[in-house]
Amino acid sequence: MCSSCAAAEPLPSGLGSPLNSTQTSVQNPSQEDPENWSDRAREVLVNALSLTGIRYKYGGNSPETGFDCSGFVRYVFKQATSLTLPHSALAISQLGKTVPKDELQPGDLV
């Protein structure tokens, strides 16, 4: 997600590659109903895609002002799941667990 935030215009769907194999989540999805988690992941993705075209702004955290990378991720997850993530890419990355690239799921942060 963040790779599209850094440019003035987002990358077309399907471009870019994962930066690493880290999944970031505040809750452990395996402790929830898998169908519910898949609905949440879908909602995260739909919410993120609905913000296509919002400009990058350092420190930004809303559609009205623009987003930086962590502000975008924080906003999307809050809207879709009610989870409040930190406004720091480093802090977000430390919340997750390592997941092999071939096991990534929709909604995983990479």
C-alpha atoms as a PDB file:
ATOM      1  CA  MET A   1       0.000   0.000   0.000  1.00  0.00           C
ATOM      2  CA  CYS A   2       2.635   2.521   0.931  1.00  0.00           C
ATOM      3  CA  SER A   3       4.416   2.315  -2.398  1.00  0.00           C
ATOM      4  CA  SER A   4       1.383   3.959  -4.004  1.00  0.00           C
ATOM      5  CA  CYS A   5       1.273   6.649  -1.309  1.00  0.00           C
ATOM      6  CA  ALA A   6       4.770   7.906  -2.049  1.00  0.00           C
ATOM      7  CA  ALA A   7       3.952   9.026  -5.579  1.00  0.00           C
ATOM      8  CA  ALA A   8       1.741  11.976  -6.432  1.00  0.00           C
ATOM      9  CA  GLU A   9      -0.505   9.547  -8.284  1.00  0.00           C
ATOM     10  CA  PRO A  10      -1.165   5.982  -7.132  1.00  0.00           C
ATOM     11  CA  LEU A  11       0.221   3.048  -9.099  1.00  0.00           C
ATOM     12  CA  PRO A  12      -2.273   1.179 -11.289  1.00  0.00           C
ATOM     13  CA  SER A  13      -3.722  -1.935  -9.700  1.00  0.00           C
ATOM     14  CA  GLY A  14      -1.387  -4.912  -9.826  1.00  0.00           C
ATOM     15  CA  LEU A  15       1.859  -2.923 -10.094  1.00  0.00           C
ATOM     16  CA  GLY A  16       4.550  -2.925  -7.469  1.00  0.00           C
ATOM     17  CA  SER A  17       5.854  -5.778  -5.381  1.00  0.00           C
ATOM     18  CA  PRO A  18       5.906  -6.563  -1.668  1.00  0.00           C
ATOM     19  CA  LEU A  19       8.709  -4.862   0.235  1.00  0.00           C
ATOM     20  CA  ASN A  20       9.035  -7.692   2.743  1.00  0.00           C
ATOM     21  CA  SER A  21       7.106 -10.636   4.156  1.00  0.00           C
ATOM     22  CA  THR A  22       5.660  -9.024   7.266  1.00  0.00           C
ATOM     23  CA  GLN A  23       1.991  -9.178   8.116  1.00  0.00           C
ATOM     24  CA  THR A  24       0.855  -6.382  10.393  1.00  0.00           C
ATOM     25  CA  SER A  25      -2.172  -6.990  12.554  1.00  0.00           C
ATOM     26  CA  VAL A  26      -3.161  -5.950  16.045  1.00  0.00           C
ATOM     27  CA  GLN A  27      -5.243  -9.071  16.547  1.00  0.00           C
ATOM     28  CA  ASN A  28      -4.381 -12.642  15.662  1.00  0.00           C
ATOM     29  CA  PRO A  29      -6.705 -13.571  12.772  1.00  0.00           C
ATOM     30  CA  SER A  30      -6.497 -17.261  13.692  1.00  0.00           C
ATOM     31  CA  GLN A  31      -8.388 -16.458  16.909  1.00  0.00           C
ATOM     32  CA  GLU A  32     -11.338 -15.145  14.912  1.00  0.00           C
ATOM     33  CA  ASP A  33     -13.850 -16.792  12.613  1.00  0.00           C
ATOM     34  CA  PRO A  34     -11.985 -17.133   9.276  1.00  0.00           C
ATOM     35  CA  GLU A  35     -15.054 -16.000   7.314  1.00  0.00           C
ATOM     36  CA  ASN A  36     -15.272 -12.863   9.455  1.00  0.00           C
ATOM     37  CA  TRP A  37     -11.558 -12.162   8.928  1.00  0.00           C
ATOM     38  CA  SER A  38     -11.895 -12.543   5.180  1.00  0.00           C
ATOM     39  CA  ASP A  39     -14.785 -10.044   5.243  1.00  0.00           C
ATOM     40  CA  ARG A  40     -12.609  -7.648   7.254  1.00  0.00           C
ATOM     41  CA  ALA A  41      -9.708  -8.026   4.821  1.00  0.00           C
ATOM     42  CA  ARG A  42     -12.063  -7.355   1.921  1.00  0.00           C
ATOM     43  CA  GLU A  43     -13.368  -4.244   3.680  1.00  0.00           C
ATOM     44  CA  VAL A  44      -9.797  -2.995   4.220  1.00  0.00           C
ATOM     45  CA  LEU A  45      -9.064  -3.417   0.506  1.00  0.00           C
ATOM     46  CA  VAL A  46     -12.334  -1.822  -0.632  1.00  0.00           C
ATOM     47  CA  ASN A  47     -11.741   1.114   1.705  1.00  0.00           C
ATOM     48  CA  ALA A  48      -8.155   1.537   0.467  1.00  0.00           C
ATOM     49  CA  LEU A  49      -9.194   1.446  -3.187  1.00  0.00           C
ATOM     50  CA  SER A  50     -11.935   4.014  -2.546  1.00  0.00           C
ATOM     51  CA  LEU A  51      -9.180   6.504  -1.684  1.00  0.00           C
ATOM     52  CA  THR A  52      -7.425   6.240  -5.056  1.00  0.00           C
ATOM     53  CA  GLY A  53      -6.303   9.669  -6.197  1.00  0.00           C
ATOM     54  CA  ILE A  54      -5.804  11.215  -2.750  1.00  0.00           C
ATOM     55  CA  ARG A  55      -2.524  13.143  -2.795  1.00  0.00           C
ATOM     56  CA  TYR A  56       0.520  12.342  -0.676  1.00  0.00           C
ATOM     57  CA  LYS A  57       1.159  14.752   2.185  1.00  0.00           C
ATOM     58  CA  TYR A  58       3.919  14.332   4.739  1.00  0.00           C
ATOM     59  CA  GLY A  59       2.242  13.754   8.114  1.00  0.00           C
ATOM     60  CA  GLY A  60      -1.166  13.533   6.429  1.00  0.00           C
ATOM     61  CA  ASN A  61      -3.849  11.330   7.919  1.00  0.00           C
ATOM     62  CA  SER A  62      -7.170  12.088   6.230  1.00  0.00           C
ATOM     63  CA  PRO A  63      -8.714  12.231   2.752  1.00  0.00           C
ATOM     64  CA  GLU A  64      -9.247  15.967   3.177  1.00  0.00           C
ATOM     65  CA  THR A  65      -5.605  16.794   3.918  1.00  0.00           C
ATOM     66  CA  GLY A  66      -3.874  13.920   2.103  1.00  0.00           C
ATOM     67  CA  PHE A  67      -1.984  10.930   3.476  1.00  0.00           C
ATOM     68  CA  ASP A  68       1.527   9.821   4.184  1.00  0.00           C
ATOM     69  CA  CYS A  69       2.083   6.047   4.098  1.00  0.00           C
ATOM     70  CA  SER A  70       1.410   5.246   7.742  1.00  0.00           C
ATOM     71  CA  GLY A  71      -1.434   7.764   7.892  1.00  0.00           C
ATOM     72  CA  PHE A  72      -3.070   6.002   4.941  1.00  0.00           C
ATOM     73  CA  VAL A  73      -2.709   2.542   6.498  1.00  0.00           C
ATOM     74  CA  ARG A  74      -3.920   3.804   9.879  1.00  0.00           C
ATOM     75  CA  TYR A  75      -6.974   5.497   8.335  1.00  0.00           C
ATOM     76  CA  VAL A  76      -7.935   2.509   6.163  1.00  0.00           C
ATOM     77  CA  PHE A  77      -7.692   0.018   9.033  1.00  0.00           C
ATOM     78  CA  LYS A  78      -9.589   2.308  11.429  1.00  0.00           C
ATOM     79  CA  GLN A  79     -12.438   2.808   8.955  1.00  0.00           C
ATOM     80  CA  ALA A  80     -12.682  -0.860   7.984  1.00  0.00           C
ATOM     81  CA  THR A  81     -11.996  -2.627  11.290  1.00  0.00           C
ATOM     82  CA  SER A  82     -12.133  -0.039  14.107  1.00  0.00           C
ATOM     83  CA  LEU A  83      -8.507  -0.955  14.948  1.00  0.00           C
ATOM     84  CA  THR A  84      -6.336   2.015  15.842  1.00  0.00           C
ATOM     85  CA  LEU A  85      -2.800   1.590  14.525  1.00  0.00           C
ATOM     86  CA  PRO A  86       0.082   3.942  15.347  1.00  0.00           C
ATOM     87  CA  HIS A  87       0.963   6.750  12.898  1.00  0.00           C
ATOM     88  CA  SER A  88       4.449   5.376  12.338  1.00  0.00           C
ATOM     89  CA  ALA A  89       5.504   2.812   9.723  1.00  0.00           C
ATOM     90  CA  LEU A  90       8.137   1.420  12.095  1.00  0.00           C
ATOM     91  CA  ALA A  91       5.639   1.024  14.942  1.00  0.00           C
ATOM     92  CA  ILE A  92       3.094  -0.620  12.628  1.00  0.00           C
ATOM     93  CA  SER A  93       5.722  -3.062  11.337  1.00  0.00           C
ATOM     94  CA  GLN A  94       6.560  -4.118  14.894  1.00  0.00           C
ATOM     95  CA  LEU A  95       2.948  -5.131  15.614  1.00  0.00           C
ATOM     96  CA  GLY A  96       2.869  -7.981  13.137  1.00  0.00           C
ATOM     97  CA  LYS A  97       4.428 -11.338  12.607  1.00  0.00           C
ATOM     98  CA  THR A  98       6.539 -12.680   9.759  1.00  0.00           C
ATOM     99  CA  VAL A  99       4.543 -14.518   7.107  1.00  0.00           C
ATOM    100  CA  PRO A 100       6.137 -16.298   4.133  1.00  0.00           C
ATOM    101  CA  LYS A 101       5.406 -14.511   0.864  1.00  0.00           C
ATOM    102  CA  ASP A 102       3.547 -17.527  -0.514  1.00  0.00           C
ATOM    103  CA  GLU A 103       1.150 -17.379   2.471  1.00  0.00           C
ATOM    104  CA  LEU A 104       0.190 -13.706   2.199  1.00  0.00           C
ATOM    105  CA  GLN A 105      -3.543 -13.022   2.317  1.00  0.00           C
ATOM    106  CA  PRO A 106      -5.637 -10.081   1.079  1.00  0.00           C
ATOM    107  CA  GLY A 107      -5.371  -7.292   3.629  1.00  0.00           C
ATOM    108  CA  ASP A 108      -1.875  -8.246   4.844  1.00  0.00           C
ATOM    109  CA  LEU A 109       0.540  -5.325   5.035  1.00  0.00           C
ATOM    110  CA  VAL A 110       3.825  -5.817   3.239  1.00  0.00           C
END
